[in-house]
Amino acid sequence: IDQTEVTNAAYARFCADKQRPLPERFPQDRPNYPVVNITFVDAQEFARWAQKRLPTLLEWEKAARGTDGRLYPWGNQADPARANVNRGGNAELMPVGAYPEGESPCHALNLVGNAWEFVDQFQSPSEGALNTFKTLLDPPPTATEPWYTIRGGSYREPLFDSVLSEWAAVPARYRNDDIGFRCAKEAR
């Protein structure tokens, strides 16, 4: 699994190479920040272009929890200073290399906080999810369209004990300014 979320700089190279538009509100002046405002399909297409893929739900969780099943990438102690999570102030997205003290056993950064991350896991939506997204998408999503999993929370949520085992389901066409992704590839 990649050490960091995909950056704006890497995503801009992909868009230029593929002659695709940049995501909405793309911050040209923040090349080392995670790319956000992308859909699941955008993330998949980038991964293919990079000769990688999106991690599966279990790969993402193993990268975050290690083989010892820790509660957080850095261990079992709740320490919000090790992740870009909301600590009651003005929370915002940070560069992908921020919070090195929150590194996971496989040296991945920001698996908790910063940006939610798409993983390649189809997920059926709950009634609550369908109701939540009814007002966020036009046309409103249905249970029969593709929904995928996001993991890790974002800078908007506080640190919580089950952050590495929790997930949320979002429609594949949904994009937001706190959802990004990282890539993975097969080990040799």
N, C-alpha and C. Protein backbone atom coordinates (compact mmCIF):
# COMPACT_ATOMS: atom_id res chain seq x y z
N ILE A 1 0.86 -1.18 0.00
CA ILE A 1 0.00 0.00 0.00
C ILE A 1 0.90 1.23 0.00
N ASP A 2 0.46 2.27 -0.68
CA ASP A 2 1.27 3.48 -0.74
C ASP A 2 1.42 4.11 0.65
N GLN A 3 2.54 4.77 0.85
CA GLN A 3 2.81 5.41 2.13
C GLN A 3 1.83 6.55 2.39
N THR A 4 1.41 7.24 1.34
CA THR A 4 0.54 8.40 1.53
C THR A 4 -0.67 8.34 0.60
N GLU A 5 -1.61 9.23 0.89
CA GLU A 5 -2.72 9.43 -0.01
C GLU A 5 -2.16 9.99 -1.33
N VAL A 6 -2.89 9.83 -2.41
CA VAL A 6 -2.48 10.38 -3.70
C VAL A 6 -2.53 11.90 -3.59
N THR A 7 -1.47 12.55 -4.06
CA THR A 7 -1.35 14.01 -3.93
C THR A 7 -2.03 14.74 -5.09
N ASN A 8 -2.26 16.02 -4.87
CA ASN A 8 -2.76 16.88 -5.94
C ASN A 8 -1.79 16.90 -7.12
N ALA A 9 -0.49 16.93 -6.84
CA ALA A 9 0.51 16.97 -7.91
C ALA A 9 0.41 15.72 -8.78
N ALA A 10 0.33 14.54 -8.16
CA ALA A 10 0.23 13.29 -8.93
C ALA A 10 -1.07 13.25 -9.72
N TYR A 11 -2.16 13.70 -9.11
CA TYR A 11 -3.44 13.68 -9.80
C TYR A 11 -3.47 14.67 -10.96
N ALA A 12 -2.81 15.81 -10.81
CA ALA A 12 -2.72 16.79 -11.90
C ALA A 12 -1.96 16.20 -13.09
N ARG A 13 -0.88 15.43 -12.82
CA ARG A 13 -0.14 14.77 -13.92
C ARG A 13 -1.04 13.78 -14.65
N PHE A 14 -1.81 13.01 -13.89
CA PHE A 14 -2.77 12.07 -14.47
C PHE A 14 -3.78 12.80 -15.36
N CYS A 15 -4.34 13.88 -14.85
CA CYS A 15 -5.34 14.64 -15.61
C CYS A 15 -4.74 15.21 -16.89
N ALA A 16 -3.52 15.73 -16.80
CA ALA A 16 -2.86 16.28 -17.99
C ALA A 16 -2.59 15.17 -19.01
N ASP A 17 -2.11 14.03 -18.53
CA ASP A 17 -1.80 12.91 -19.43
C ASP A 17 -3.05 12.36 -20.10
N LYS A 18 -4.13 12.30 -19.37
CA LYS A 18 -5.39 11.73 -19.88
C LYS A 18 -6.34 12.79 -20.45
N GLN A 19 -5.90 14.05 -20.43
CA GLN A 19 -6.72 15.16 -20.92
C GLN A 19 -8.09 15.18 -20.23
N ARG A 20 -8.03 15.08 -18.91
CA ARG A 20 -9.24 15.12 -18.07
C ARG A 20 -9.28 16.44 -17.31
N PRO A 21 -10.45 16.91 -16.97
CA PRO A 21 -10.51 18.13 -16.14
C PRO A 21 -10.05 17.83 -14.71
N LEU A 22 -9.49 18.82 -14.07
CA LEU A 22 -9.12 18.70 -12.66
C LEU A 22 -10.39 18.66 -11.82
N PRO A 23 -10.32 18.10 -10.62
CA PRO A 23 -11.50 18.09 -9.75
C PRO A 23 -11.97 19.51 -9.42
N GLU A 24 -13.22 19.62 -9.07
CA GLU A 24 -13.80 20.91 -8.68
C GLU A 24 -13.02 21.50 -7.51
N ARG A 25 -12.79 22.81 -7.56
CA ARG A 25 -12.06 23.55 -6.52
C ARG A 25 -10.66 22.97 -6.27
N PHE A 26 -10.00 22.53 -7.34
CA PHE A 26 -8.67 21.94 -7.23
C PHE A 26 -7.65 22.99 -6.79
N PRO A 27 -6.94 22.78 -5.68
CA PRO A 27 -6.00 23.78 -5.18
C PRO A 27 -4.61 23.64 -5.83
N GLN A 28 -4.38 24.37 -6.89
CA GLN A 28 -3.10 24.30 -7.62
C GLN A 28 -1.91 24.63 -6.72
N ASP A 29 -2.14 25.44 -5.68
CA ASP A 29 -1.06 25.88 -4.80
C ASP A 29 -0.78 24.91 -3.66
N ARG A 30 -1.39 23.72 -3.68
CA ARG A 30 -1.17 22.73 -2.62
C ARG A 30 -0.81 21.37 -3.22
N PRO A 31 0.35 21.27 -3.86
CA PRO A 31 0.70 20.03 -4.56
C PRO A 31 0.88 18.82 -3.65
N ASN A 32 1.24 19.05 -2.39
CA ASN A 32 1.51 17.93 -1.47
C ASN A 32 0.33 17.59 -0.57
N TYR A 33 -0.83 18.11 -0.88
CA TYR A 33 -2.04 17.77 -0.14
C TYR A 33 -2.74 16.62 -0.86
N PRO A 34 -3.56 15.86 -0.13
CA PRO A 34 -4.28 14.76 -0.81
C PRO A 34 -5.31 15.30 -1.79
N VAL A 35 -5.41 14.65 -2.93
CA VAL A 35 -6.46 15.02 -3.87
C VAL A 35 -7.79 14.61 -3.27
N VAL A 36 -8.77 15.48 -3.37
CA VAL A 36 -10.13 15.22 -2.88
C VAL A 36 -11.11 15.68 -3.96
N ASN A 37 -12.37 15.55 -3.68
CA ASN A 37 -13.42 15.88 -4.66
C ASN A 37 -13.34 14.99 -5.89
N ILE A 38 -13.05 13.74 -5.67
CA ILE A 38 -12.99 12.75 -6.74
C ILE A 38 -14.01 11.65 -6.42
N THR A 39 -14.44 10.95 -7.44
CA THR A 39 -15.37 9.83 -7.24
C THR A 39 -14.58 8.53 -7.13
N PHE A 40 -15.28 7.47 -6.79
CA PHE A 40 -14.65 6.14 -6.74
C PHE A 40 -14.06 5.79 -8.10
N VAL A 41 -14.81 6.06 -9.17
CA VAL A 41 -14.34 5.74 -10.52
C VAL A 41 -13.11 6.58 -10.87
N ASP A 42 -13.07 7.86 -10.48
CA ASP A 42 -11.89 8.68 -10.70
C ASP A 42 -10.67 8.04 -10.02
N ALA A 43 -10.86 7.58 -8.79
CA ALA A 43 -9.77 6.95 -8.04
C ALA A 43 -9.32 5.67 -8.74
N GLN A 44 -10.25 4.85 -9.20
CA GLN A 44 -9.90 3.62 -9.92
C GLN A 44 -9.11 3.93 -11.19
N GLU A 45 -9.56 4.93 -11.94
CA GLU A 45 -8.88 5.28 -13.19
C GLU A 45 -7.47 5.79 -12.94
N PHE A 46 -7.29 6.59 -11.89
CA PHE A 46 -5.94 7.03 -11.54
C PHE A 46 -5.07 5.82 -11.21
N ALA A 47 -5.59 4.93 -10.39
CA ALA A 47 -4.81 3.75 -9.98
C ALA A 47 -4.37 2.93 -11.20
N ARG A 48 -5.28 2.72 -12.14
CA ARG A 48 -4.91 2.00 -13.36
C ARG A 48 -3.81 2.73 -14.12
N TRP A 49 -3.96 4.04 -14.26
CA TRP A 49 -2.96 4.86 -14.94
C TRP A 49 -1.60 4.72 -14.26
N ALA A 50 -1.59 4.66 -12.93
CA ALA A 50 -0.35 4.53 -12.15
C ALA A 50 0.14 3.08 -12.08
N GLN A 51 -0.53 2.19 -12.78
CA GLN A 51 -0.23 0.75 -12.78
C GLN A 51 -0.34 0.16 -11.38
N LYS A 52 -1.38 0.61 -10.69
CA LYS A 52 -1.69 0.13 -9.35
C LYS A 52 -3.18 -0.15 -9.30
N ARG A 53 -3.73 -0.22 -8.10
CA ARG A 53 -5.17 -0.42 -7.89
C ARG A 53 -5.52 0.15 -6.54
N LEU A 54 -6.82 0.21 -6.25
CA LEU A 54 -7.23 0.61 -4.92
C LEU A 54 -7.07 -0.57 -3.97
N PRO A 55 -6.72 -0.32 -2.72
CA PRO A 55 -6.60 -1.43 -1.78
C PRO A 55 -7.98 -2.00 -1.46
N THR A 56 -8.00 -3.27 -1.11
CA THR A 56 -9.24 -3.86 -0.62
C THR A 56 -9.46 -3.40 0.82
N LEU A 57 -10.65 -3.65 1.32
CA LEU A 57 -10.97 -3.30 2.70
C LEU A 57 -9.99 -3.96 3.67
N LEU A 58 -9.71 -5.24 3.47
CA LEU A 58 -8.82 -5.96 4.38
C LEU A 58 -7.37 -5.53 4.23
N GLU A 59 -6.92 -5.21 3.01
CA GLU A 59 -5.55 -4.72 2.84
C GLU A 59 -5.38 -3.38 3.55
N TRP A 60 -6.37 -2.51 3.39
CA TRP A 60 -6.29 -1.20 4.03
C TRP A 60 -6.23 -1.38 5.55
N GLU A 61 -7.09 -2.24 6.08
CA GLU A 61 -7.12 -2.42 7.53
C GLU A 61 -5.83 -3.05 8.05
N LYS A 62 -5.26 -4.00 7.33
CA LYS A 62 -4.00 -4.60 7.77
C LYS A 62 -2.88 -3.56 7.75
N ALA A 63 -2.87 -2.71 6.73
CA ALA A 63 -1.85 -1.66 6.68
C ALA A 63 -2.00 -0.72 7.87
N ALA A 64 -3.22 -0.48 8.30
CA ALA A 64 -3.48 0.43 9.42
C ALA A 64 -3.26 -0.22 10.78
N ARG A 65 -3.68 -1.46 10.94
CA ARG A 65 -3.65 -2.12 12.26
C ARG A 65 -2.44 -3.00 12.49
N GLY A 66 -1.71 -3.32 11.42
CA GLY A 66 -0.57 -4.22 11.56
C GLY A 66 -1.04 -5.65 11.80
N THR A 67 -0.11 -6.53 12.09
CA THR A 67 -0.45 -7.93 12.34
C THR A 67 -0.86 -8.16 13.80
N ASP A 68 -0.66 -7.14 14.64
CA ASP A 68 -1.01 -7.28 16.05
C ASP A 68 -2.39 -6.71 16.38
N GLY A 69 -3.12 -6.22 15.38
CA GLY A 69 -4.50 -5.76 15.59
C GLY A 69 -4.63 -4.53 16.45
N ARG A 70 -3.69 -3.63 16.35
CA ARG A 70 -3.71 -2.43 17.18
C ARG A 70 -4.95 -1.57 16.94
N LEU A 71 -5.27 -0.72 17.89
CA LEU A 71 -6.44 0.15 17.77
C LEU A 71 -6.20 1.35 16.86
N TYR A 72 -4.95 1.79 16.77
CA TYR A 72 -4.56 2.94 15.95
C TYR A 72 -3.29 2.55 15.20
N PRO A 73 -2.97 3.22 14.12
CA PRO A 73 -1.75 2.86 13.40
C PRO A 73 -0.49 2.92 14.27
N TRP A 74 -0.44 3.81 15.25
CA TRP A 74 0.73 3.99 16.09
C TRP A 74 0.73 3.12 17.34
N GLY A 75 -0.33 2.39 17.61
CA GLY A 75 -0.41 1.55 18.81
C GLY A 75 -1.80 1.51 19.38
N ASN A 76 -1.90 1.31 20.69
CA ASN A 76 -3.21 1.17 21.33
C ASN A 76 -3.63 2.37 22.18
N GLN A 77 -2.81 3.40 22.23
CA GLN A 77 -3.14 4.58 23.02
C GLN A 77 -3.83 5.63 22.14
N ALA A 78 -4.97 6.11 22.59
CA ALA A 78 -5.66 7.19 21.88
C ALA A 78 -4.83 8.47 22.03
N ASP A 79 -4.32 8.97 20.92
CA ASP A 79 -3.51 10.19 20.94
C ASP A 79 -3.85 11.03 19.72
N PRO A 80 -4.83 11.94 19.85
CA PRO A 80 -5.26 12.72 18.70
C PRO A 80 -4.16 13.61 18.11
N ALA A 81 -3.07 13.83 18.84
CA ALA A 81 -1.97 14.63 18.31
C ALA A 81 -1.21 13.88 17.21
N ARG A 82 -1.46 12.57 17.05
CA ARG A 82 -0.77 11.77 16.03
C ARG A 82 -1.53 11.67 14.71
N ALA A 83 -2.66 12.36 14.61
CA ALA A 83 -3.48 12.26 13.40
C ALA A 83 -4.18 13.59 13.14
N ASN A 84 -4.48 13.85 11.90
CA ASN A 84 -5.22 15.06 11.55
C ASN A 84 -6.71 14.82 11.74
N VAL A 85 -7.12 14.92 12.99
CA VAL A 85 -8.52 14.76 13.37
C VAL A 85 -9.00 16.04 14.04
N ASN A 86 -10.28 16.19 14.16
CA ASN A 86 -10.85 17.39 14.77
C ASN A 86 -10.64 17.35 16.28
N ARG A 87 -9.93 18.31 16.77
CA ARG A 87 -9.68 18.42 18.21
C ARG A 87 -10.42 19.61 18.80
N GLY A 88 -11.52 20.00 18.15
CA GLY A 88 -12.35 21.07 18.68
C GLY A 88 -12.03 22.45 18.14
N GLY A 89 -11.08 22.55 17.22
CA GLY A 89 -10.74 23.85 16.65
C GLY A 89 -11.09 23.90 15.18
N ASN A 90 -10.40 24.75 14.46
CA ASN A 90 -10.59 24.84 13.02
C ASN A 90 -9.81 23.72 12.35
N ALA A 91 -10.49 22.69 11.93
CA ALA A 91 -9.85 21.54 11.30
C ALA A 91 -9.77 21.77 9.80
N GLU A 92 -8.68 21.31 9.20
CA GLU A 92 -8.52 21.42 7.75
C GLU A 92 -7.61 20.31 7.24
N LEU A 93 -7.69 20.06 5.96
CA LEU A 93 -6.83 19.09 5.29
C LEU A 93 -5.37 19.51 5.45
N MET A 94 -4.48 18.55 5.57
CA MET A 94 -3.05 18.82 5.74
C MET A 94 -2.25 18.08 4.67
N PRO A 95 -0.97 18.43 4.47
CA PRO A 95 -0.14 17.70 3.50
C PRO A 95 -0.06 16.21 3.83
N VAL A 96 0.18 15.40 2.81
CA VAL A 96 0.18 13.95 2.99
C VAL A 96 1.28 13.46 3.92
N GLY A 97 2.36 14.21 4.08
CA GLY A 97 3.45 13.80 4.96
C GLY A 97 3.31 14.28 6.38
N ALA A 98 2.21 14.96 6.67
CA ALA A 98 1.99 15.47 8.03
C ALA A 98 1.75 14.30 8.99
N TYR A 99 2.02 14.53 10.24
CA TYR A 99 1.78 13.55 11.31
C TYR A 99 2.60 12.26 11.14
N PRO A 100 3.92 12.37 10.96
CA PRO A 100 4.74 11.16 10.84
C PRO A 100 4.72 10.30 12.10
N GLU A 101 4.40 10.91 13.26
CA GLU A 101 4.32 10.15 14.51
C GLU A 101 3.10 9.23 14.55
N GLY A 102 2.23 9.32 13.55
CA GLY A 102 1.08 8.43 13.46
C GLY A 102 1.29 7.31 12.45
N GLU A 103 2.54 7.09 12.07
CA GLU A 103 2.88 6.07 11.06
C GLU A 103 2.42 4.67 11.49
N SER A 104 1.96 3.90 10.51
CA SER A 104 1.52 2.53 10.77
C SER A 104 2.71 1.57 10.72
N PRO A 105 2.51 0.30 11.11
CA PRO A 105 3.61 -0.67 11.06
C PRO A 105 4.21 -0.84 9.65
N CYS A 106 3.42 -0.58 8.60
CA CYS A 106 3.97 -0.70 7.24
C CYS A 106 4.39 0.66 6.69
N HIS A 107 4.56 1.64 7.59
CA HIS A 107 5.07 2.97 7.27
C HIS A 107 4.09 3.85 6.49
N ALA A 108 2.81 3.53 6.53
CA ALA A 108 1.80 4.37 5.89
C ALA A 108 1.41 5.51 6.83
N LEU A 109 1.18 6.67 6.24
CA LEU A 109 0.83 7.87 7.01
C LEU A 109 -0.64 8.23 6.80
N ASN A 110 -1.22 8.87 7.79
CA ASN A 110 -2.57 9.42 7.70
C ASN A 110 -3.65 8.39 7.37
N LEU A 111 -3.50 7.19 7.89
CA LEU A 111 -4.58 6.21 7.73
C LEU A 111 -5.74 6.54 8.66
N VAL A 112 -5.50 7.41 9.62
CA VAL A 112 -6.56 7.95 10.47
C VAL A 112 -6.58 9.45 10.23
N GLY A 113 -7.74 9.97 9.93
CA GLY A 113 -7.88 11.41 9.73
C GLY A 113 -7.40 11.87 8.36
N ASN A 114 -7.25 13.15 8.23
CA ASN A 114 -6.91 13.85 7.00
C ASN A 114 -8.04 13.68 5.99
N ALA A 115 -8.00 12.67 5.13
CA ALA A 115 -9.10 12.44 4.18
C ALA A 115 -9.60 11.01 4.33
N TRP A 116 -10.93 10.84 4.29
CA TRP A 116 -11.47 9.49 4.17
C TRP A 116 -10.82 8.87 2.94
N GLU A 117 -10.72 7.55 2.87
CA GLU A 117 -10.09 6.91 1.72
C GLU A 117 -11.01 5.86 1.12
N PHE A 118 -11.18 5.95 -0.21
CA PHE A 118 -11.92 4.91 -0.91
C PHE A 118 -11.13 3.61 -0.85
N VAL A 119 -11.83 2.51 -0.62
CA VAL A 119 -11.25 1.18 -0.78
C VAL A 119 -12.13 0.40 -1.74
N ASP A 120 -11.56 -0.60 -2.37
CA ASP A 120 -12.29 -1.37 -3.38
C ASP A 120 -13.15 -2.42 -2.69
N GLN A 121 -14.25 -1.97 -2.14
CA GLN A 121 -15.18 -2.84 -1.45
C GLN A 121 -16.59 -2.35 -1.72
N PHE A 122 -17.32 -3.12 -2.51
CA PHE A 122 -18.71 -2.80 -2.78
C PHE A 122 -19.48 -2.92 -1.47
N GLN A 123 -20.44 -2.03 -1.25
CA GLN A 123 -21.18 -2.02 0.00
C GLN A 123 -22.65 -1.67 -0.26
N SER A 124 -23.55 -2.46 0.25
CA SER A 124 -24.96 -2.11 0.14
C SER A 124 -25.28 -1.01 1.14
N PRO A 125 -26.01 0.01 0.73
CA PRO A 125 -26.30 1.11 1.65
C PRO A 125 -27.39 0.76 2.66
N SER A 126 -27.29 1.33 3.83
CA SER A 126 -28.35 1.20 4.82
C SER A 126 -29.44 2.22 4.49
N GLU A 127 -30.58 2.09 5.14
CA GLU A 127 -31.64 3.08 4.96
C GLU A 127 -31.16 4.47 5.39
N GLY A 128 -30.37 4.50 6.46
CA GLY A 128 -29.83 5.78 6.93
C GLY A 128 -28.92 6.43 5.90
N ALA A 129 -28.08 5.61 5.26
CA ALA A 129 -27.19 6.16 4.22
C ALA A 129 -28.01 6.68 3.05
N LEU A 130 -29.01 5.92 2.64
CA LEU A 130 -29.86 6.38 1.53
C LEU A 130 -30.52 7.71 1.88
N ASN A 131 -31.01 7.85 3.10
CA ASN A 131 -31.64 9.10 3.52
C ASN A 131 -30.65 10.24 3.59
N THR A 132 -29.45 9.98 4.07
CA THR A 132 -28.42 11.02 4.17
C THR A 132 -28.08 11.57 2.79
N PHE A 133 -27.88 10.69 1.83
CA PHE A 133 -27.43 11.13 0.51
C PHE A 133 -28.56 11.62 -0.38
N LYS A 134 -29.80 11.44 0.05
CA LYS A 134 -30.96 11.90 -0.73
C LYS A 134 -30.88 13.40 -1.03
N THR A 135 -30.40 14.15 -0.06
CA THR A 135 -30.31 15.60 -0.23
C THR A 135 -28.97 16.05 -0.80
N LEU A 136 -28.01 15.14 -0.88
CA LEU A 136 -26.67 15.51 -1.34
C LEU A 136 -26.43 15.27 -2.82
N LEU A 137 -27.23 14.41 -3.44
CA LEU A 137 -27.02 14.06 -4.85
C LEU A 137 -28.29 14.27 -5.65
N ASP A 138 -28.11 14.68 -6.89
CA ASP A 138 -29.24 14.84 -7.79
C ASP A 138 -28.91 14.10 -9.09
N PRO A 139 -29.63 13.07 -9.46
CA PRO A 139 -30.80 12.55 -8.76
C PRO A 139 -30.39 11.82 -7.47
N PRO A 140 -31.34 11.68 -6.54
CA PRO A 140 -31.04 10.97 -5.30
C PRO A 140 -30.56 9.54 -5.59
N PRO A 141 -29.62 9.04 -4.79
CA PRO A 141 -29.11 7.68 -5.02
C PRO A 141 -30.15 6.61 -4.70
N THR A 142 -29.93 5.46 -5.30
CA THR A 142 -30.79 4.31 -5.04
C THR A 142 -29.94 3.20 -4.46
N ALA A 143 -30.59 2.21 -3.89
CA ALA A 143 -29.87 1.06 -3.33
C ALA A 143 -29.31 0.17 -4.42
N THR A 144 -29.79 0.32 -5.65
CA THR A 144 -29.33 -0.56 -6.73
C THR A 144 -28.11 -0.01 -7.47
N GLU A 145 -27.77 1.25 -7.25
CA GLU A 145 -26.56 1.78 -7.90
C GLU A 145 -25.34 1.37 -7.07
N PRO A 146 -24.13 1.43 -7.63
CA PRO A 146 -22.94 1.01 -6.87
C PRO A 146 -22.61 1.95 -5.71
N TRP A 147 -22.38 1.37 -4.56
CA TRP A 147 -21.91 2.08 -3.37
C TRP A 147 -20.59 1.44 -2.95
N TYR A 148 -19.66 2.26 -2.47
CA TYR A 148 -18.36 1.74 -2.05
C TYR A 148 -18.00 2.23 -0.65
N THR A 149 -17.01 1.60 -0.10
CA THR A 149 -16.59 1.85 1.27
C THR A 149 -15.51 2.93 1.33
N ILE A 150 -15.61 3.78 2.35
CA ILE A 150 -14.54 4.70 2.69
C ILE A 150 -14.08 4.35 4.11
N ARG A 151 -12.79 4.57 4.36
CA ARG A 151 -12.20 4.18 5.65
C ARG A 151 -11.36 5.31 6.23
N GLY A 152 -11.15 5.26 7.54
CA GLY A 152 -10.16 6.08 8.21
C GLY A 152 -10.61 7.42 8.78
N GLY A 153 -11.82 7.85 8.49
CA GLY A 153 -12.26 9.14 8.99
C GLY A 153 -11.56 10.30 8.28
N SER A 154 -11.88 11.50 8.71
CA SER A 154 -11.26 12.68 8.10
C SER A 154 -10.93 13.71 9.16
N TYR A 155 -10.40 14.81 8.70
CA TYR A 155 -10.06 15.91 9.60
C TYR A 155 -11.28 16.50 10.29
N ARG A 156 -12.46 16.17 9.82
CA ARG A 156 -13.69 16.73 10.41
C ARG A 156 -14.18 15.96 11.63
N GLU A 157 -13.75 14.72 11.81
CA GLU A 157 -14.23 13.89 12.92
C GLU A 157 -13.18 13.84 14.03
N PRO A 158 -13.63 13.69 15.27
CA PRO A 158 -12.67 13.47 16.35
C PRO A 158 -12.11 12.05 16.28
N LEU A 159 -11.03 11.82 17.01
CA LEU A 159 -10.47 10.47 17.09
C LEU A 159 -11.40 9.60 17.92
N PHE A 160 -11.78 8.43 17.41
CA PHE A 160 -12.63 7.54 18.19
C PHE A 160 -12.01 6.15 18.19
N ASP A 161 -12.34 5.35 19.21
CA ASP A 161 -11.70 4.06 19.44
C ASP A 161 -11.81 3.08 18.29
N SER A 162 -12.92 3.09 17.59
CA SER A 162 -13.12 2.08 16.54
C SER A 162 -12.80 2.62 15.15
N VAL A 163 -11.97 3.66 15.06
CA VAL A 163 -11.72 4.32 13.77
C VAL A 163 -11.16 3.36 12.72
N LEU A 164 -10.37 2.37 13.10
CA LEU A 164 -9.79 1.46 12.11
C LEU A 164 -10.71 0.32 11.73
N SER A 165 -11.73 0.06 12.51
CA SER A 165 -12.66 -1.01 12.15
C SER A 165 -13.96 -0.45 11.57
N GLU A 166 -14.20 0.84 11.70
CA GLU A 166 -15.41 1.46 11.16
C GLU A 166 -15.24 1.81 9.69
N TRP A 167 -16.36 1.94 9.01
CA TRP A 167 -16.37 2.33 7.60
C TRP A 167 -17.67 3.05 7.32
N ALA A 168 -17.74 3.67 6.19
CA ALA A 168 -18.98 4.29 5.73
C ALA A 168 -19.18 3.90 4.28
N ALA A 169 -20.42 3.87 3.84
CA ALA A 169 -20.74 3.57 2.45
C ALA A 169 -21.17 4.85 1.76
N VAL A 170 -20.63 5.08 0.55
CA VAL A 170 -21.01 6.25 -0.24
C VAL A 170 -21.30 5.80 -1.67
N PRO A 171 -22.20 6.50 -2.36
CA PRO A 171 -22.43 6.15 -3.76
C PRO A 171 -21.15 6.36 -4.58
N ALA A 172 -20.93 5.52 -5.56
CA ALA A 172 -19.72 5.60 -6.38
C ALA A 172 -19.59 6.96 -7.06
N ARG A 173 -20.69 7.65 -7.31
CA ARG A 173 -20.63 8.95 -7.98
C ARG A 173 -20.47 10.13 -7.02
N TYR A 174 -20.42 9.85 -5.73
CA TYR A 174 -20.30 10.91 -4.74
C TYR A 174 -18.86 11.41 -4.65
N ARG A 175 -18.71 12.70 -4.47
CA ARG A 175 -17.40 13.32 -4.24
C ARG A 175 -17.55 14.34 -3.12
N ASN A 176 -16.49 14.53 -2.36
CA ASN A 176 -16.53 15.50 -1.27
C ASN A 176 -15.13 16.00 -1.00
N ASP A 177 -15.03 17.14 -0.32
CA ASP A 177 -13.72 17.72 -0.06
C ASP A 177 -13.00 17.09 1.13
N ASP A 178 -13.50 15.95 1.62
CA ASP A 178 -12.76 15.22 2.65
C ASP A 178 -12.66 13.72 2.30
N ILE A 179 -12.79 13.39 1.01
CA ILE A 179 -12.62 12.00 0.56
C ILE A 179 -11.55 11.96 -0.52
N GLY A 180 -10.53 11.14 -0.28
CA GLY A 180 -9.45 10.92 -1.22
C GLY A 180 -9.19 9.43 -1.35
N PHE A 181 -7.95 9.06 -1.60
CA PHE A 181 -7.60 7.64 -1.75
C PHE A 181 -6.09 7.46 -1.76
N ARG A 182 -5.67 6.24 -1.59
CA ARG A 182 -4.29 5.83 -1.80
C ARG A 182 -4.32 4.57 -2.64
N CYS A 183 -3.21 4.21 -3.21
CA CYS A 183 -3.17 3.04 -4.09
C CYS A 183 -2.42 1.88 -3.44
N ALA A 184 -2.55 0.75 -4.06
CA ALA A 184 -1.84 -0.47 -3.65
C ALA A 184 -1.42 -1.20 -4.91
N LYS A 185 -0.52 -2.13 -4.77
CA LYS A 185 -0.18 -3.03 -5.88
C LYS A 185 0.25 -4.36 -5.32
N GLU A 186 0.24 -5.34 -6.17
CA GLU A 186 0.59 -6.70 -5.75
C GLU A 186 2.06 -6.75 -5.31
N ALA A 187 2.32 -7.50 -4.23
CA ALA A 187 3.70 -7.70 -3.80
C ALA A 187 4.39 -8.65 -4.76
N ARG A 188 5.67 -8.47 -4.92
CA ARG A 188 6.43 -9.37 -5.81
C ARG A 188 6.74 -10.66 -5.11
